[in-house]
Amino acid sequence: MNQKDKMIRLEKFSDNDFEKLISWIANEEELIQFAGSIFNFPLTKEQLDNYINIPEVNAYKVIYENIHIGHAEINFTVNNPPKLCRILIGDKNFRGRGLCQQIVIALLYVCKEKFSSHIVELNVFDWNGGAITCYEKVGFRFNREKQKEVFVGDKKWISLNMRIEI
């Protein structure tokens, strides 16, 4: 295996990838953590088909060691900074290896090259310490002016905004 095979690659997410993504989402809480409120549990092929046809959605499958291990998105609308979202290392065998940072760096590269952006944002739930640590290591900082509350069952989750200048 050469070194290139060990790097994160982003490839266009397509209908061929729907079943794998669906298999990674076991319950409603996981779906909300991954995607916010844009989908309903259980995740279906029909929902994903609608999702990939939304103009501002730039969805990718995450490839590592030639294995499809995750999903990531850049949501881009004109006059707004790109937003990284729906980042998931779905294959649990690849979690805890520092790959999140590689995924975020690859997404930032796309934001700069494809969208000519110098500011990028993302949202993360306040209890998701692993993701927050990953984003801070890459250089994201909290934007305290943007946060919102989401209710998941009887639990209140706080969604925090982070941003980076690239």
N, C-alpha and C. Protein backbone atom coordinates (compact mmCIF):
# COMPACT_ATOMS: atom_id res chain seq x y z
N MET A 1 0.86 -1.18 0.00
CA MET A 1 0.00 0.00 0.00
C MET A 1 0.90 1.24 0.00
N ASN A 2 0.67 2.11 -0.95
CA ASN A 2 1.51 3.31 -0.98
C ASN A 2 0.93 4.39 -0.06
N GLN A 3 1.71 5.43 0.18
CA GLN A 3 1.32 6.48 1.13
C GLN A 3 0.03 7.18 0.70
N LYS A 4 -0.18 7.34 -0.61
CA LYS A 4 -1.40 8.00 -1.09
C LYS A 4 -2.65 7.26 -0.63
N ASP A 5 -2.59 5.93 -0.57
CA ASP A 5 -3.74 5.14 -0.15
C ASP A 5 -4.08 5.37 1.32
N LYS A 6 -3.13 5.89 2.12
CA LYS A 6 -3.36 6.12 3.54
C LYS A 6 -3.89 7.52 3.83
N MET A 7 -4.04 8.32 2.81
CA MET A 7 -4.55 9.67 2.97
C MET A 7 -6.07 9.65 2.80
N ILE A 8 -6.71 10.63 3.43
CA ILE A 8 -8.14 10.79 3.25
C ILE A 8 -8.41 11.31 1.85
N ARG A 9 -9.39 10.73 1.19
CA ARG A 9 -9.86 11.23 -0.10
C ARG A 9 -11.35 11.50 0.02
N LEU A 10 -11.78 12.56 -0.62
CA LEU A 10 -13.20 12.88 -0.70
C LEU A 10 -13.66 12.57 -2.12
N GLU A 11 -14.71 11.77 -2.22
CA GLU A 11 -15.29 11.46 -3.52
C GLU A 11 -16.77 11.81 -3.48
N LYS A 12 -17.33 12.15 -4.62
CA LYS A 12 -18.74 12.53 -4.69
C LYS A 12 -19.62 11.43 -4.10
N PHE A 13 -20.51 11.83 -3.20
CA PHE A 13 -21.48 10.93 -2.60
C PHE A 13 -22.62 10.72 -3.59
N SER A 14 -22.98 9.47 -3.84
CA SER A 14 -24.02 9.17 -4.82
C SER A 14 -24.99 8.12 -4.29
N ASP A 15 -25.98 7.81 -5.10
CA ASP A 15 -26.97 6.82 -4.70
C ASP A 15 -26.35 5.45 -4.43
N ASN A 16 -25.19 5.17 -4.99
CA ASN A 16 -24.49 3.92 -4.70
C ASN A 16 -24.01 3.84 -3.25
N ASP A 17 -23.97 4.98 -2.57
CA ASP A 17 -23.46 5.05 -1.19
C ASP A 17 -24.57 5.09 -0.14
N PHE A 18 -25.81 5.16 -0.57
CA PHE A 18 -26.92 5.33 0.37
C PHE A 18 -26.99 4.22 1.42
N GLU A 19 -26.91 2.97 0.98
CA GLU A 19 -27.08 1.85 1.93
C GLU A 19 -26.02 1.87 3.02
N LYS A 20 -24.80 2.18 2.66
CA LYS A 20 -23.73 2.21 3.66
C LYS A 20 -24.00 3.30 4.69
N LEU A 21 -24.37 4.51 4.24
CA LEU A 21 -24.67 5.58 5.19
C LEU A 21 -25.84 5.19 6.08
N ILE A 22 -26.88 4.65 5.50
CA ILE A 22 -28.04 4.23 6.29
C ILE A 22 -27.63 3.22 7.36
N SER A 23 -26.72 2.31 7.02
CA SER A 23 -26.30 1.27 7.97
C SER A 23 -25.54 1.83 9.16
N TRP A 24 -24.98 3.02 9.01
CA TRP A 24 -24.20 3.62 10.11
C TRP A 24 -25.08 4.35 11.13
N ILE A 25 -26.33 4.58 10.83
CA ILE A 25 -27.21 5.36 11.71
C ILE A 25 -28.17 4.40 12.41
N ALA A 26 -27.92 4.14 13.71
CA ALA A 26 -28.67 3.11 14.43
C ALA A 26 -29.94 3.62 15.11
N ASN A 27 -29.99 4.93 15.40
CA ASN A 27 -31.16 5.44 16.13
C ASN A 27 -31.34 6.93 15.86
N GLU A 28 -32.43 7.47 16.38
CA GLU A 28 -32.77 8.87 16.12
C GLU A 28 -31.70 9.83 16.67
N GLU A 29 -31.17 9.55 17.86
CA GLU A 29 -30.14 10.44 18.42
C GLU A 29 -28.91 10.50 17.53
N GLU A 30 -28.48 9.35 17.02
CA GLU A 30 -27.32 9.34 16.11
C GLU A 30 -27.62 10.13 14.84
N LEU A 31 -28.83 10.01 14.35
CA LEU A 31 -29.21 10.74 13.14
C LEU A 31 -29.19 12.25 13.39
N ILE A 32 -29.71 12.70 14.52
CA ILE A 32 -29.72 14.13 14.83
C ILE A 32 -28.31 14.63 15.09
N GLN A 33 -27.49 13.83 15.77
CA GLN A 33 -26.10 14.24 15.99
C GLN A 33 -25.39 14.42 14.66
N PHE A 34 -25.62 13.51 13.72
CA PHE A 34 -24.98 13.55 12.42
C PHE A 34 -25.54 14.64 11.51
N ALA A 35 -26.86 14.78 11.49
CA ALA A 35 -27.48 15.58 10.43
C ALA A 35 -28.38 16.70 10.90
N GLY A 36 -28.51 16.91 12.21
CA GLY A 36 -29.46 17.92 12.65
C GLY A 36 -30.87 17.46 12.33
N SER A 37 -31.67 18.38 11.87
CA SER A 37 -33.09 18.06 11.66
C SER A 37 -33.48 17.88 10.20
N ILE A 38 -32.51 17.71 9.30
CA ILE A 38 -32.90 17.64 7.88
C ILE A 38 -33.47 16.28 7.49
N PHE A 39 -33.23 15.24 8.29
CA PHE A 39 -33.75 13.91 8.00
C PHE A 39 -34.66 13.46 9.13
N ASN A 40 -35.48 12.45 8.83
CA ASN A 40 -36.30 11.79 9.83
C ASN A 40 -35.82 10.35 9.98
N PHE A 41 -35.86 9.86 11.22
CA PHE A 41 -35.46 8.48 11.47
C PHE A 41 -36.65 7.55 11.21
N PRO A 42 -36.45 6.44 10.57
CA PRO A 42 -35.18 5.94 10.05
C PRO A 42 -34.82 6.63 8.73
N LEU A 43 -33.52 6.79 8.53
CA LEU A 43 -33.02 7.37 7.29
C LEU A 43 -33.37 6.44 6.13
N THR A 44 -33.80 7.01 5.02
CA THR A 44 -34.21 6.20 3.86
C THR A 44 -33.50 6.65 2.59
N LYS A 45 -33.53 5.79 1.61
CA LYS A 45 -32.96 6.12 0.30
C LYS A 45 -33.67 7.32 -0.31
N GLU A 46 -34.98 7.42 -0.10
CA GLU A 46 -35.75 8.53 -0.65
C GLU A 46 -35.28 9.86 -0.05
N GLN A 47 -35.06 9.88 1.26
CA GLN A 47 -34.56 11.11 1.89
C GLN A 47 -33.19 11.47 1.34
N LEU A 48 -32.33 10.49 1.18
CA LEU A 48 -30.98 10.75 0.67
C LEU A 48 -31.01 11.19 -0.79
N ASP A 49 -31.93 10.64 -1.57
CA ASP A 49 -32.06 11.07 -2.96
C ASP A 49 -32.45 12.54 -3.03
N ASN A 50 -33.38 12.96 -2.20
CA ASN A 50 -33.75 14.39 -2.14
C ASN A 50 -32.57 15.23 -1.68
N TYR A 51 -31.84 14.76 -0.69
CA TYR A 51 -30.69 15.46 -0.11
C TYR A 51 -29.63 15.77 -1.16
N ILE A 52 -29.23 14.76 -1.94
CA ILE A 52 -28.13 15.00 -2.89
C ILE A 52 -28.54 15.89 -4.06
N ASN A 53 -29.84 16.14 -4.18
CA ASN A 53 -30.31 17.02 -5.25
C ASN A 53 -30.56 18.46 -4.79
N ILE A 54 -30.23 18.77 -3.54
CA ILE A 54 -30.32 20.15 -3.05
C ILE A 54 -29.10 20.91 -3.59
N PRO A 55 -29.32 22.02 -4.28
CA PRO A 55 -28.19 22.71 -4.94
C PRO A 55 -27.02 23.08 -4.03
N GLU A 56 -27.29 23.50 -2.79
CA GLU A 56 -26.19 23.94 -1.93
C GLU A 56 -25.44 22.79 -1.25
N VAL A 57 -25.92 21.58 -1.41
CA VAL A 57 -25.29 20.42 -0.79
C VAL A 57 -24.16 19.90 -1.68
N ASN A 58 -22.98 19.82 -1.10
CA ASN A 58 -21.81 19.22 -1.74
C ASN A 58 -21.41 18.05 -0.84
N ALA A 59 -21.98 16.89 -1.13
CA ALA A 59 -21.81 15.72 -0.26
C ALA A 59 -20.70 14.81 -0.79
N TYR A 60 -19.93 14.27 0.16
CA TYR A 60 -18.79 13.43 -0.17
C TYR A 60 -18.80 12.15 0.65
N LYS A 61 -18.31 11.09 0.05
CA LYS A 61 -17.98 9.92 0.84
C LYS A 61 -16.51 10.06 1.19
N VAL A 62 -16.16 9.61 2.38
CA VAL A 62 -14.79 9.71 2.86
C VAL A 62 -14.12 8.36 2.65
N ILE A 63 -12.99 8.38 1.95
CA ILE A 63 -12.25 7.17 1.62
C ILE A 63 -10.91 7.21 2.35
N TYR A 64 -10.58 6.10 3.01
CA TYR A 64 -9.27 5.96 3.68
C TYR A 64 -8.82 4.52 3.45
N GLU A 65 -7.57 4.35 3.05
CA GLU A 65 -7.03 3.03 2.72
C GLU A 65 -7.95 2.31 1.73
N ASN A 66 -8.46 3.08 0.79
CA ASN A 66 -9.37 2.60 -0.25
C ASN A 66 -10.67 2.00 0.30
N ILE A 67 -11.03 2.38 1.52
CA ILE A 67 -12.26 1.92 2.16
C ILE A 67 -13.16 3.12 2.41
N HIS A 68 -14.44 2.97 2.10
CA HIS A 68 -15.43 4.02 2.37
C HIS A 68 -15.72 3.98 3.87
N ILE A 69 -15.19 4.98 4.61
CA ILE A 69 -15.31 4.97 6.07
C ILE A 69 -16.26 6.02 6.62
N GLY A 70 -16.68 6.98 5.78
CA GLY A 70 -17.48 8.05 6.34
C GLY A 70 -18.16 8.92 5.31
N HIS A 71 -18.69 10.01 5.84
CA HIS A 71 -19.47 10.96 5.05
C HIS A 71 -19.11 12.37 5.51
N ALA A 72 -19.18 13.32 4.59
CA ALA A 72 -18.95 14.73 4.94
C ALA A 72 -19.64 15.60 3.90
N GLU A 73 -19.96 16.82 4.32
CA GLU A 73 -20.64 17.74 3.42
C GLU A 73 -20.09 19.15 3.60
N ILE A 74 -20.09 19.88 2.50
CA ILE A 74 -19.90 21.32 2.52
C ILE A 74 -21.20 21.91 2.00
N ASN A 75 -21.82 22.72 2.82
CA ASN A 75 -23.06 23.38 2.42
C ASN A 75 -22.66 24.79 2.00
N PHE A 76 -22.95 25.14 0.76
CA PHE A 76 -22.51 26.43 0.24
C PHE A 76 -23.65 27.16 -0.43
N THR A 77 -23.90 28.38 0.03
CA THR A 77 -24.83 29.29 -0.63
C THR A 77 -24.09 30.60 -0.89
N VAL A 78 -24.41 31.23 -1.98
CA VAL A 78 -23.76 32.49 -2.34
C VAL A 78 -24.01 33.51 -1.22
N ASN A 79 -23.04 34.34 -0.95
CA ASN A 79 -23.08 35.40 0.07
C ASN A 79 -23.02 34.88 1.50
N ASN A 80 -22.71 33.60 1.69
CA ASN A 80 -22.48 33.04 3.02
C ASN A 80 -21.21 32.22 3.00
N PRO A 81 -20.51 32.15 4.12
CA PRO A 81 -19.33 31.28 4.13
C PRO A 81 -19.77 29.82 4.03
N PRO A 82 -18.95 28.98 3.41
CA PRO A 82 -19.27 27.56 3.37
C PRO A 82 -19.38 27.01 4.80
N LYS A 83 -20.22 26.02 4.97
CA LYS A 83 -20.40 25.40 6.28
C LYS A 83 -20.08 23.91 6.15
N LEU A 84 -19.15 23.44 6.98
CA LEU A 84 -18.88 22.01 7.04
C LEU A 84 -19.99 21.38 7.87
N CYS A 85 -20.52 20.29 7.39
CA CYS A 85 -21.59 19.64 8.14
C CYS A 85 -21.68 18.16 7.79
N ARG A 86 -22.47 17.48 8.58
CA ARG A 86 -22.72 16.06 8.40
C ARG A 86 -21.43 15.26 8.22
N ILE A 87 -20.48 15.51 9.13
CA ILE A 87 -19.21 14.79 9.14
C ILE A 87 -19.39 13.56 10.03
N LEU A 88 -19.09 12.41 9.46
CA LEU A 88 -19.28 11.16 10.20
C LEU A 88 -18.22 10.15 9.78
N ILE A 89 -17.51 9.61 10.76
CA ILE A 89 -16.71 8.41 10.52
C ILE A 89 -17.64 7.27 10.92
N GLY A 90 -18.31 6.72 9.92
CA GLY A 90 -19.34 5.73 10.17
C GLY A 90 -18.80 4.37 10.52
N ASP A 91 -17.67 4.00 9.93
CA ASP A 91 -17.05 2.72 10.24
C ASP A 91 -16.31 2.87 11.56
N LYS A 92 -16.86 2.27 12.61
CA LYS A 92 -16.32 2.46 13.97
C LYS A 92 -14.89 1.96 14.12
N ASN A 93 -14.43 1.09 13.23
CA ASN A 93 -13.04 0.61 13.28
C ASN A 93 -12.05 1.73 12.99
N PHE A 94 -12.52 2.82 12.41
CA PHE A 94 -11.62 3.91 12.03
C PHE A 94 -11.76 5.13 12.94
N ARG A 95 -12.56 5.03 13.97
CA ARG A 95 -12.70 6.14 14.92
C ARG A 95 -11.52 6.13 15.89
N GLY A 96 -11.21 7.31 16.42
CA GLY A 96 -10.14 7.42 17.40
C GLY A 96 -8.74 7.36 16.82
N ARG A 97 -8.60 7.52 15.54
CA ARG A 97 -7.29 7.46 14.87
C ARG A 97 -6.79 8.83 14.41
N GLY A 98 -7.52 9.89 14.74
CA GLY A 98 -7.13 11.22 14.28
C GLY A 98 -7.55 11.51 12.86
N LEU A 99 -8.40 10.69 12.27
CA LEU A 99 -8.81 10.88 10.89
C LEU A 99 -9.75 12.07 10.72
N CYS A 100 -10.46 12.44 11.79
CA CYS A 100 -11.36 13.60 11.71
C CYS A 100 -10.59 14.84 11.26
N GLN A 101 -9.41 15.04 11.81
CA GLN A 101 -8.62 16.21 11.42
C GLN A 101 -8.29 16.17 9.93
N GLN A 102 -7.93 14.99 9.43
CA GLN A 102 -7.62 14.86 8.00
C GLN A 102 -8.85 15.17 7.15
N ILE A 103 -10.01 14.71 7.60
CA ILE A 103 -11.25 14.97 6.86
C ILE A 103 -11.52 16.47 6.82
N VAL A 104 -11.40 17.14 7.97
CA VAL A 104 -11.67 18.58 8.04
C VAL A 104 -10.68 19.35 7.18
N ILE A 105 -9.43 18.98 7.21
CA ILE A 105 -8.42 19.65 6.38
C ILE A 105 -8.74 19.47 4.90
N ALA A 106 -9.16 18.27 4.51
CA ALA A 106 -9.55 18.03 3.10
C ALA A 106 -10.76 18.88 2.72
N LEU A 107 -11.72 19.01 3.62
CA LEU A 107 -12.90 19.84 3.35
C LEU A 107 -12.50 21.31 3.24
N LEU A 108 -11.60 21.77 4.10
CA LEU A 108 -11.15 23.17 4.03
C LEU A 108 -10.44 23.45 2.71
N TYR A 109 -9.69 22.49 2.23
CA TYR A 109 -9.02 22.64 0.95
C TYR A 109 -10.06 22.84 -0.17
N VAL A 110 -11.13 22.04 -0.14
CA VAL A 110 -12.20 22.18 -1.14
C VAL A 110 -12.85 23.56 -1.01
N CYS A 111 -13.09 24.02 0.22
CA CYS A 111 -13.70 25.34 0.43
C CYS A 111 -12.86 26.44 -0.20
N LYS A 112 -11.57 26.33 -0.04
CA LYS A 112 -10.68 27.36 -0.57
C LYS A 112 -10.58 27.27 -2.10
N GLU A 113 -10.40 26.05 -2.61
CA GLU A 113 -10.19 25.87 -4.04
C GLU A 113 -11.48 26.00 -4.86
N LYS A 114 -12.54 25.39 -4.41
CA LYS A 114 -13.78 25.36 -5.19
C LYS A 114 -14.64 26.60 -4.97
N PHE A 115 -14.66 27.09 -3.72
CA PHE A 115 -15.56 28.20 -3.39
C PHE A 115 -14.81 29.51 -3.12
N SER A 116 -13.49 29.49 -3.25
CA SER A 116 -12.65 30.68 -3.02
C SER A 116 -12.99 31.36 -1.69
N SER A 117 -13.23 30.56 -0.69
CA SER A 117 -13.63 31.11 0.61
C SER A 117 -12.43 31.21 1.54
N HIS A 118 -12.45 32.24 2.38
CA HIS A 118 -11.40 32.41 3.38
C HIS A 118 -11.94 32.26 4.80
N ILE A 119 -13.25 32.10 4.92
CA ILE A 119 -13.90 31.85 6.21
C ILE A 119 -14.80 30.63 6.03
N VAL A 120 -14.72 29.72 6.99
CA VAL A 120 -15.55 28.51 6.97
C VAL A 120 -16.15 28.34 8.36
N GLU A 121 -17.40 27.88 8.41
CA GLU A 121 -18.09 27.66 9.68
C GLU A 121 -18.52 26.21 9.81
N LEU A 122 -18.88 25.84 11.01
CA LEU A 122 -19.52 24.56 11.29
C LEU A 122 -20.28 24.69 12.59
N ASN A 123 -21.19 23.76 12.82
CA ASN A 123 -21.92 23.69 14.09
C ASN A 123 -21.64 22.35 14.72
N VAL A 124 -21.57 22.35 16.06
CA VAL A 124 -21.29 21.13 16.80
C VAL A 124 -22.05 21.19 18.12
N PHE A 125 -22.55 20.04 18.57
CA PHE A 125 -23.24 20.02 19.86
C PHE A 125 -22.23 20.14 20.99
N ASP A 126 -22.61 20.90 22.02
CA ASP A 126 -21.68 21.23 23.11
C ASP A 126 -21.17 20.01 23.86
N TRP A 127 -21.87 18.92 23.84
CA TRP A 127 -21.46 17.71 24.55
C TRP A 127 -20.53 16.82 23.72
N ASN A 128 -20.29 17.17 22.46
CA ASN A 128 -19.48 16.34 21.56
C ASN A 128 -18.01 16.73 21.67
N GLY A 129 -17.42 16.37 22.80
CA GLY A 129 -16.05 16.77 23.10
C GLY A 129 -15.02 16.31 22.09
N GLY A 130 -15.17 15.09 21.56
CA GLY A 130 -14.22 14.60 20.57
C GLY A 130 -14.21 15.44 19.32
N ALA A 131 -15.39 15.79 18.83
CA ALA A 131 -15.48 16.62 17.63
C ALA A 131 -14.94 18.02 17.89
N ILE A 132 -15.28 18.59 19.05
CA ILE A 132 -14.80 19.94 19.38
C ILE A 132 -13.28 19.95 19.43
N THR A 133 -12.68 18.94 20.06
CA THR A 133 -11.22 18.86 20.12
C THR A 133 -10.62 18.77 18.73
N CYS A 134 -11.22 17.96 17.87
CA CYS A 134 -10.75 17.83 16.49
C CYS A 134 -10.77 19.19 15.80
N TYR A 135 -11.90 19.88 15.88
CA TYR A 135 -12.05 21.16 15.18
C TYR A 135 -11.09 22.20 15.74
N GLU A 136 -10.90 22.23 17.05
CA GLU A 136 -9.96 23.19 17.65
C GLU A 136 -8.53 22.90 17.21
N LYS A 137 -8.16 21.63 17.09
CA LYS A 137 -6.80 21.28 16.64
C LYS A 137 -6.53 21.77 15.22
N VAL A 138 -7.58 21.79 14.40
CA VAL A 138 -7.43 22.28 13.03
C VAL A 138 -7.38 23.81 13.00
N GLY A 139 -7.93 24.46 14.03
CA GLY A 139 -7.87 25.92 14.09
C GLY A 139 -9.22 26.61 14.23
N PHE A 140 -10.30 25.87 14.31
CA PHE A 140 -11.62 26.47 14.50
C PHE A 140 -11.71 27.07 15.90
N ARG A 141 -12.44 28.17 16.01
CA ARG A 141 -12.69 28.83 17.29
C ARG A 141 -14.18 29.08 17.42
N PHE A 142 -14.65 29.13 18.66
CA PHE A 142 -16.08 29.33 18.91
C PHE A 142 -16.51 30.74 18.50
N ASN A 143 -17.66 30.80 17.89
CA ASN A 143 -18.33 32.05 17.56
C ASN A 143 -19.54 32.12 18.49
N ARG A 144 -19.36 32.71 19.65
CA ARG A 144 -20.38 32.69 20.71
C ARG A 144 -21.67 33.44 20.31
N GLU A 145 -21.60 34.23 19.25
CA GLU A 145 -22.79 34.97 18.82
C GLU A 145 -23.82 34.06 18.15
N LYS A 146 -23.40 32.87 17.73
CA LYS A 146 -24.32 31.95 17.04
C LYS A 146 -24.38 30.64 17.83
N GLN A 147 -25.53 30.39 18.43
CA GLN A 147 -25.78 29.09 19.02
C GLN A 147 -27.29 28.91 19.11
N LYS A 148 -27.71 27.66 19.17
CA LYS A 148 -29.15 27.42 19.27
C LYS A 148 -29.40 26.16 20.08
N GLU A 149 -30.62 26.06 20.57
CA GLU A 149 -31.05 24.91 21.34
C GLU A 149 -31.86 23.99 20.46
N VAL A 150 -31.64 22.69 20.64
CA VAL A 150 -32.39 21.67 19.91
C VAL A 150 -32.90 20.68 20.96
N PHE A 151 -34.16 20.29 20.85
CA PHE A 151 -34.70 19.29 21.77
C PHE A 151 -34.75 17.94 21.08
N VAL A 152 -34.13 16.97 21.72
CA VAL A 152 -34.11 15.59 21.24
C VAL A 152 -34.81 14.78 22.32
N GLY A 153 -36.08 14.45 22.06
CA GLY A 153 -36.89 13.86 23.12
C GLY A 153 -37.05 14.90 24.21
N ASP A 154 -36.69 14.54 25.42
CA ASP A 154 -36.78 15.50 26.54
C ASP A 154 -35.42 16.12 26.88
N LYS A 155 -34.42 15.88 26.03
CA LYS A 155 -33.08 16.42 26.27
C LYS A 155 -32.87 17.69 25.46
N LYS A 156 -32.22 18.67 26.09
CA LYS A 156 -31.87 19.91 25.38
C LYS A 156 -30.40 19.83 24.97
N TRP A 157 -30.16 19.92 23.66
CA TRP A 157 -28.81 19.95 23.12
C TRP A 157 -28.52 21.37 22.66
N ILE A 158 -27.31 21.85 22.94
CA ILE A 158 -26.89 23.18 22.52
C ILE A 158 -25.96 23.03 21.31
N SER A 159 -26.35 23.66 20.22
CA SER A 159 -25.54 23.66 19.01
C SER A 159 -24.68 24.92 19.00
N LEU A 160 -23.37 24.73 18.98
CA LEU A 160 -22.41 25.83 19.00
C LEU A 160 -21.83 26.04 17.61
N ASN A 161 -21.60 27.28 17.25
CA ASN A 161 -21.00 27.61 15.97
C ASN A 161 -19.50 27.81 16.16
N MET A 162 -18.73 27.30 15.20
CA MET A 162 -17.28 27.52 15.20
C MET A 162 -16.92 28.01 13.81
N ARG A 163 -15.82 28.79 13.74
CA ARG A 163 -15.38 29.28 12.44
C ARG A 163 -13.86 29.33 12.39
N ILE A 164 -13.37 29.38 11.17
CA ILE A 164 -11.94 29.44 10.93
C ILE A 164 -11.68 30.34 9.74
N GLU A 165 -10.57 31.05 9.77
CA GLU A 165 -10.11 31.80 8.61
C GLU A 165 -9.00 30.98 7.96
N ILE A 166 -9.14 30.76 6.64
CA ILE A 166 -8.14 29.94 5.94
C ILE A 166 -7.43 30.75 4.88
